[in-house]
Amino acid sequence: MTTPQVQGFFDPATFTVSYVVSDPATSAAAIIDPVLEFDPASGRTSFAAADRLIDYVNAQGLAVEWILETHVHADHLTAAPYIREKTGSPVAIGEHVVDVQKTFARIFNLPDVAVDGSQFDQLLPADKTFSIGKLDARVMYTPGHTPACVTYVIGDAAFVGDTLFMPDYGTARTDFPGGDAGQLYDSIQSILALPDETRLFMCHDYKAPGRDEFRWETTVAEQRRSNIHIGNGVSREDFVAMREGRDAGLGMPRLILPAIQVNIRAGHLPAPESNGTAYLKLPLNAF
């Protein structure tokens, strides 16, 4: 099995990890889950986090072939269009993004938003294979956190989005529209069926109590053995009861309302209105 080079970039404002995954043999690369910085108090955006990815790509002499989204994020805005403009690379996401678009276009009353996934360059079906240079890559459909979540298996590495966190932090919430704790359990089991030595890369880390540093890389063997929510043979029934009970007490992510509106558009901001300014909606009493 081939071994890609993986460089993570941690965004402390959203606890998100973006990745540059590259093939040492060809210098081909993919960028996964890039972040557009957004200040909800002022409405200002910044490309500083995305520029760090671009600077790294340029410094390493890499050629970006893909921009990959693991799902429609609720905790940060994506910088995919900016990366696309800089690299010319296509933006891809799992094909079930259309289900998320249909749900949230209705919730936010966005008749101008197409719900056919056409904002993205490619919609990837389950088990789709593709290449990054000489690296073999595969799409695993891993719903549960959202109905559109996918995991990218690239060589001996898997980028799991929000299905799993580090073993000492557990698993993702399933209370968003279309989420399902049973589906998440099944999806995680498919990830844990990968070879023990497979490197797993998280989309987030929140530094579990007692841990002094942020971490975002683990292995299948470590997750199977010691994940506090699903490790050591936890049953589906017990996991669903734990996950649903835990989710019932969670608040909404700080950036969910702006993030969803932008991310169902593949990261494009709403069109400016007659005064030249673009606006996001704040639905009152809808959640």
Protein backbone atom coordinates (compact mmCIF):
# COMPACT_ATOMS: atom_id res chain seq x y z
CA MET A 1 0.00 0.00 0.00
CA THR A 2 1.32 3.44 -0.93
CA THR A 3 2.10 6.04 1.71
CA PRO A 4 1.09 9.62 0.93
CA GLN A 5 2.72 12.56 2.61
CA VAL A 6 0.18 14.30 4.84
CA GLN A 7 0.49 17.81 6.25
CA GLY A 8 -2.22 19.06 8.60
CA PHE A 9 -3.09 22.72 9.19
CA PHE A 10 -4.98 23.45 12.40
CA ASP A 11 -7.39 26.39 12.57
CA PRO A 12 -7.72 27.30 16.27
CA ALA A 13 -10.85 29.44 15.80
CA THR A 14 -12.90 26.47 14.56
CA PHE A 15 -10.75 23.55 15.80
CA THR A 16 -10.66 22.35 12.18
CA VAL A 17 -7.80 20.51 10.52
CA SER A 18 -7.29 20.99 6.78
CA TYR A 19 -4.91 18.71 4.93
CA VAL A 20 -2.54 18.73 2.00
CA VAL A 21 -2.09 15.13 0.85
CA SER A 22 0.66 14.55 -1.69
CA ASP A 23 2.29 11.79 -3.70
CA PRO A 24 6.07 11.83 -3.08
CA ALA A 25 6.67 10.16 -6.46
CA THR A 26 4.91 12.77 -8.61
CA SER A 27 4.31 15.82 -6.37
CA ALA A 28 0.59 15.61 -7.16
CA ALA A 29 -1.60 16.70 -4.27
CA ALA A 30 -5.11 17.11 -2.92
CA ILE A 31 -6.38 19.67 -0.43
CA ILE A 32 -9.04 18.44 1.99
CA ASP A 33 -11.53 20.61 3.94
CA PRO A 34 -9.97 24.10 3.53
CA VAL A 35 -11.19 26.82 5.90
CA LEU A 36 -12.42 30.33 5.09
CA GLU A 37 -12.01 32.41 8.22
CA PHE A 38 -15.19 34.24 9.25
CA ASP A 39 -15.91 36.64 12.11
CA PRO A 40 -19.64 36.45 12.89
CA ALA A 41 -19.56 39.66 14.93
CA SER A 42 -18.35 41.80 12.03
CA GLY A 43 -19.28 39.66 9.02
CA ARG A 44 -15.69 39.83 7.76
CA THR A 45 -13.99 36.98 5.94
CA SER A 46 -10.28 36.26 5.59
CA PHE A 47 -8.21 33.99 3.36
CA ALA A 48 -5.30 33.72 5.81
CA ALA A 49 -5.91 30.02 6.61
CA ALA A 50 -6.31 29.15 2.92
CA ASP A 51 -3.16 31.09 2.05
CA ARG A 52 -1.19 28.91 4.45
CA LEU A 53 -2.23 25.90 2.38
CA ILE A 54 -1.31 27.64 -0.87
CA ASP A 55 2.04 28.78 0.52
CA TYR A 56 2.85 25.21 1.56
CA VAL A 57 1.84 23.82 -1.83
CA ASN A 58 4.02 26.37 -3.60
CA ALA A 59 6.99 25.88 -1.26
CA GLN A 60 6.87 22.12 -1.78
CA GLY A 61 6.43 22.39 -5.54
CA LEU A 62 3.14 20.48 -5.46
CA ALA A 63 0.49 20.35 -8.18
CA VAL A 64 -3.01 20.32 -6.68
CA GLU A 65 -5.28 17.93 -8.59
CA TRP A 66 -8.27 17.86 -6.23
CA ILE A 67 -10.06 19.94 -3.61
CA LEU A 68 -12.03 17.45 -1.51
CA GLU A 69 -14.83 18.14 0.96
CA THR A 70 -15.73 15.39 3.42
CA HIS A 71 -19.21 16.90 3.96
CA VAL A 72 -21.18 20.13 4.26
CA HIS A 73 -19.55 21.56 7.37
CA ALA A 74 -21.59 23.24 10.11
CA ASP A 75 -18.66 24.66 12.07
CA HIS A 76 -16.64 26.53 9.45
CA LEU A 77 -17.01 28.08 6.04
CA THR A 78 -15.13 26.38 3.21
CA ALA A 79 -12.43 28.16 1.21
CA ALA A 80 -12.83 25.76 -1.73
CA PRO A 81 -13.66 28.44 -4.35
CA TYR A 82 -10.59 30.46 -3.36
CA ILE A 83 -8.34 27.40 -3.58
CA ARG A 84 -9.92 26.54 -6.93
CA GLU A 85 -9.19 30.05 -8.22
CA LYS A 86 -5.55 29.75 -7.15
CA THR A 87 -4.93 26.20 -8.40
CA GLY A 88 -7.51 25.50 -11.12
CA SER A 89 -8.38 22.25 -9.35
CA PRO A 90 -11.90 20.77 -9.29
CA VAL A 91 -13.97 20.80 -6.10
CA ALA A 92 -15.50 17.42 -5.23
CA ILE A 93 -17.88 16.17 -2.55
CA GLY A 94 -20.03 13.09 -1.96
CA GLU A 95 -23.05 12.81 -4.23
CA HIS A 96 -25.52 12.89 -1.31
CA VAL A 97 -24.79 16.59 -0.86
CA VAL A 98 -28.03 17.09 -2.79
CA ASP A 99 -29.97 15.76 0.22
CA VAL A 100 -28.36 18.38 2.45
CA GLN A 101 -29.00 21.11 -0.11
CA LYS A 102 -32.69 20.23 -0.33
CA THR A 103 -33.09 20.33 3.45
CA PHE A 104 -31.32 23.61 4.09
CA ALA A 105 -32.45 25.47 0.99
CA ARG A 106 -35.95 24.93 2.39
CA ILE A 107 -35.03 25.90 5.96
CA PHE A 108 -33.30 29.11 4.84
CA ASN A 109 -35.84 29.77 2.04
CA LEU A 110 -33.19 30.01 -0.67
CA PRO A 111 -35.02 29.57 -3.98
CA ASP A 112 -31.92 30.74 -5.88
CA VAL A 113 -29.84 27.79 -4.62
CA ALA A 114 -29.85 24.81 -7.00
CA VAL A 115 -30.33 21.53 -5.13
CA ASP A 116 -28.67 19.31 -7.72
CA GLY A 117 -25.06 19.66 -6.57
CA SER A 118 -24.17 21.71 -9.64
CA GLN A 119 -22.17 24.20 -7.54
CA PHE A 120 -19.50 21.50 -7.20
CA ASP A 121 -17.29 20.31 -10.06
CA GLN A 122 -17.74 16.63 -9.23
CA LEU A 123 -20.17 14.62 -7.13
CA LEU A 124 -18.51 11.42 -5.96
CA PRO A 125 -20.52 8.21 -5.52
CA ALA A 126 -19.74 5.55 -2.95
CA ASP A 127 -16.75 3.38 -3.88
CA LYS A 128 -15.63 5.81 -6.58
CA THR A 129 -11.91 5.40 -7.24
CA PHE A 130 -9.60 8.12 -8.48
CA SER A 131 -5.93 8.97 -8.39
CA ILE A 132 -3.66 11.64 -6.98
CA GLY A 133 -0.54 11.22 -9.05
CA LYS A 134 0.26 7.55 -8.53
CA LEU A 135 -1.72 7.34 -5.30
CA ASP A 136 -4.89 5.26 -5.36
CA ALA A 137 -7.86 6.93 -3.69
CA ARG A 138 -11.35 5.67 -2.87
CA VAL A 139 -14.57 7.22 -1.62
CA MET A 140 -16.27 5.53 1.34
CA TYR A 141 -19.83 6.62 2.05
CA THR A 142 -19.95 7.18 5.82
CA PRO A 143 -23.24 8.90 6.75
CA GLY A 144 -24.56 9.46 10.25
CA HIS A 145 -23.18 12.84 11.26
CA THR A 146 -24.87 14.12 8.10
CA PRO A 147 -26.47 12.18 5.22
CA ALA A 148 -23.69 13.31 2.87
CA CYS A 149 -20.52 12.42 4.79
CA VAL A 150 -17.73 10.57 3.02
CA THR A 151 -14.30 9.29 4.02
CA TYR A 152 -11.41 9.49 1.58
CA VAL A 153 -9.07 6.49 1.68
CA ILE A 154 -5.80 7.53 0.03
CA GLY A 155 -3.05 4.94 0.15
CA ASP A 156 -2.57 3.96 3.78
CA ALA A 157 -4.40 7.06 5.05
CA ALA A 158 -8.10 7.76 5.60
CA PHE A 159 -9.60 11.22 6.09
CA VAL A 160 -12.71 10.59 8.15
CA GLY A 161 -14.34 14.01 8.34
CA ASP A 162 -16.59 14.24 11.40
CA THR A 163 -17.33 10.55 11.88
CA LEU A 164 -14.63 10.11 14.52
CA PHE A 165 -12.57 12.26 16.84
CA MET A 166 -9.40 11.25 18.65
CA PRO A 167 -9.92 8.16 20.82
CA ASP A 168 -10.06 10.20 24.03
CA TYR A 169 -12.80 12.47 22.62
CA GLY A 170 -15.09 9.98 20.90
CA THR A 171 -17.46 10.43 17.98
CA ALA A 172 -19.47 13.07 16.13
CA ARG A 173 -22.94 14.32 16.97
CA THR A 174 -25.90 13.05 14.95
CA ASP A 175 -28.66 15.55 15.73
CA PHE A 176 -28.38 17.68 12.59
CA PRO A 177 -31.16 17.25 9.99
CA GLY A 178 -30.63 13.88 8.34
CA GLY A 179 -28.21 12.67 10.99
CA ASP A 180 -28.64 9.19 12.44
CA ALA A 181 -26.78 7.52 15.31
CA GLY A 182 -27.32 4.02 13.95
CA GLN A 183 -25.94 5.04 10.57
CA LEU A 184 -22.94 6.62 12.28
CA TYR A 185 -22.25 3.37 14.14
CA ASP A 186 -22.36 1.42 10.87
CA SER A 187 -20.15 3.95 9.12
CA ILE A 188 -17.56 3.82 11.87
CA GLN A 189 -17.54 0.04 11.73
CA SER A 190 -16.70 0.24 8.02
CA ILE A 191 -13.79 2.54 8.84
CA LEU A 192 -12.61 0.24 11.61
CA ALA A 193 -12.65 -2.66 9.13
CA LEU A 194 -9.73 -1.06 7.31
CA PRO A 195 -6.28 -2.54 8.05
CA ASP A 196 -5.07 -1.93 11.62
CA GLU A 197 -2.15 0.21 10.50
CA THR A 198 -4.30 2.58 8.43
CA ARG A 199 -3.63 6.15 9.50
CA LEU A 200 -6.82 8.02 10.38
CA PHE A 201 -6.92 11.81 10.10
CA MET A 202 -9.58 13.76 11.98
CA CYS A 203 -11.31 16.90 10.73
CA HIS A 204 -11.39 18.37 14.24
CA ASP A 205 -9.76 18.14 17.63
CA TYR A 206 -11.01 19.78 20.80
CA LYS A 207 -8.23 18.61 23.14
CA ALA A 208 -9.91 16.20 25.52
CA PRO A 209 -9.63 16.91 29.26
CA GLY A 210 -6.22 15.93 30.57
CA ARG A 211 -4.49 16.25 27.19
CA ASP A 212 -2.05 19.15 26.78
CA GLU A 213 -1.86 19.39 23.00
CA PHE A 214 -4.08 19.18 19.95
CA ARG A 215 -3.81 15.95 17.96
CA TRP A 216 -5.50 14.78 14.79
CA GLU A 217 -3.79 11.56 13.68
CA THR A 218 -4.46 8.08 15.01
CA THR A 219 -4.83 4.55 13.59
CA VAL A 220 -7.59 2.05 13.05
CA ALA A 221 -6.09 -0.20 15.73
CA GLU A 222 -5.98 2.62 18.28
CA GLN A 223 -9.56 3.70 17.59
CA ARG A 224 -10.87 0.14 17.73
CA ARG A 225 -9.09 -0.45 21.03
CA SER A 226 -9.64 2.75 22.95
CA ASN A 227 -12.19 5.17 21.47
CA ILE A 228 -14.26 6.19 24.50
CA HIS A 229 -17.56 5.98 22.60
CA ILE A 230 -17.17 3.03 20.30
CA GLY A 231 -13.95 1.20 21.12
CA ASN A 232 -13.53 -2.26 22.60
CA GLY A 233 -16.64 -3.76 21.02
CA VAL A 234 -19.42 -1.38 22.09
CA SER A 235 -22.72 -2.67 20.70
CA ARG A 236 -24.84 -0.76 18.20
CA GLU A 237 -27.70 -0.51 20.71
CA ASP A 238 -25.49 0.91 23.46
CA PHE A 239 -23.82 3.34 21.08
CA VAL A 240 -27.12 4.68 19.75
CA ALA A 241 -28.45 5.18 23.30
CA MET A 242 -25.25 6.98 24.36
CA ARG A 243 -25.06 9.14 21.23
CA GLU A 244 -28.70 10.21 21.22
CA GLY A 245 -28.63 10.96 24.94
CA ARG A 246 -25.47 13.01 24.60
CA ASP A 247 -26.73 14.90 21.55
CA ALA A 248 -29.90 15.95 23.36
CA GLY A 249 -27.86 18.26 25.57
CA LEU A 250 -25.63 19.85 22.92
CA GLY A 251 -25.97 23.45 21.77
CA MET A 252 -25.72 24.53 18.14
CA PRO A 253 -22.25 25.14 16.67
CA ARG A 254 -21.30 28.82 16.75
CA LEU A 255 -21.03 29.18 12.97
CA ILE A 256 -23.73 26.76 11.82
CA LEU A 257 -26.10 29.38 10.37
CA PRO A 258 -23.56 31.18 8.16
CA ALA A 259 -21.58 28.01 7.43
CA ILE A 260 -24.47 25.97 6.06
CA GLN A 261 -25.70 28.79 3.82
CA VAL A 262 -22.25 29.15 2.27
CA ASN A 263 -21.23 25.50 2.18
CA ILE A 264 -24.33 24.23 0.37
CA ARG A 265 -23.22 26.70 -2.32
CA ALA A 266 -19.80 24.94 -2.46
CA GLY A 267 -18.30 27.90 -0.61
CA HIS A 268 -19.63 30.64 -2.87
CA LEU A 269 -21.05 33.63 -1.03
CA PRO A 270 -24.59 34.78 -1.84
CA ALA A 271 -24.87 37.16 -4.78
CA PRO A 272 -24.57 40.85 -3.85
CA GLU A 273 -27.82 42.77 -3.59
CA SER A 274 -28.63 46.09 -5.26
CA ASN A 275 -26.28 48.01 -2.97
CA GLY A 276 -23.32 45.75 -3.83
CA THR A 277 -23.29 43.93 -0.48
CA ALA A 278 -23.88 40.20 0.03
CA TYR A 279 -26.01 39.08 2.96
CA LEU A 280 -26.56 35.88 4.95
CA LYS A 281 -29.88 35.06 6.60
CA LEU A 282 -30.62 34.56 10.28
CA PRO A 283 -33.80 32.44 10.59
CA LEU A 284 -35.70 33.39 13.72
CA ASN A 285 -37.06 30.63 15.96
CA ALA A 286 -36.45 28.01 13.28
CA PHE A 287 -34.22 25.77 15.43
